[in-house]
Amino acid sequence: MKFDYKEIANGFLAELSYSIQKISTKDGTLNGTLNGTLNGTLNSTQQKVFESIKTKPNIKAKEIAVILDIPLDTLNKQLKYLTSNGLIERKGSKKTGGYYVL
């Protein structure tokens, strides 16, 4: 993060800026950026899962599997990938909790 400020007539102007954040892949290499689009860093299924969670915060895994018509085991792998890469998180209890975009 970068912080700059300059004095102006009646006070000062502050500016915060962030450099592009890199996302790690399964093999530990850096690939793509979180800023901008997610294309190129996520496969099509991961993108669909991410968008489902973004559209409906607190969505349950079973709901995502039904909406996207994919097996729950496949979905769980995608959720694990998205969680481990800091794109989503699970909040709440097993019964009432759901997934959220970070």
Foldseek 3Di string as FASTA:
>chain_A
DDWDKDADDPGIDIDDDDDFAWWAAPVGDTWDTPPDDCPRVDDPVLVLLLVVCAVPPQDALVVSCVVVVHDSVVSVVSVVRCVVRQQKDWDDDPVRIGMHGD
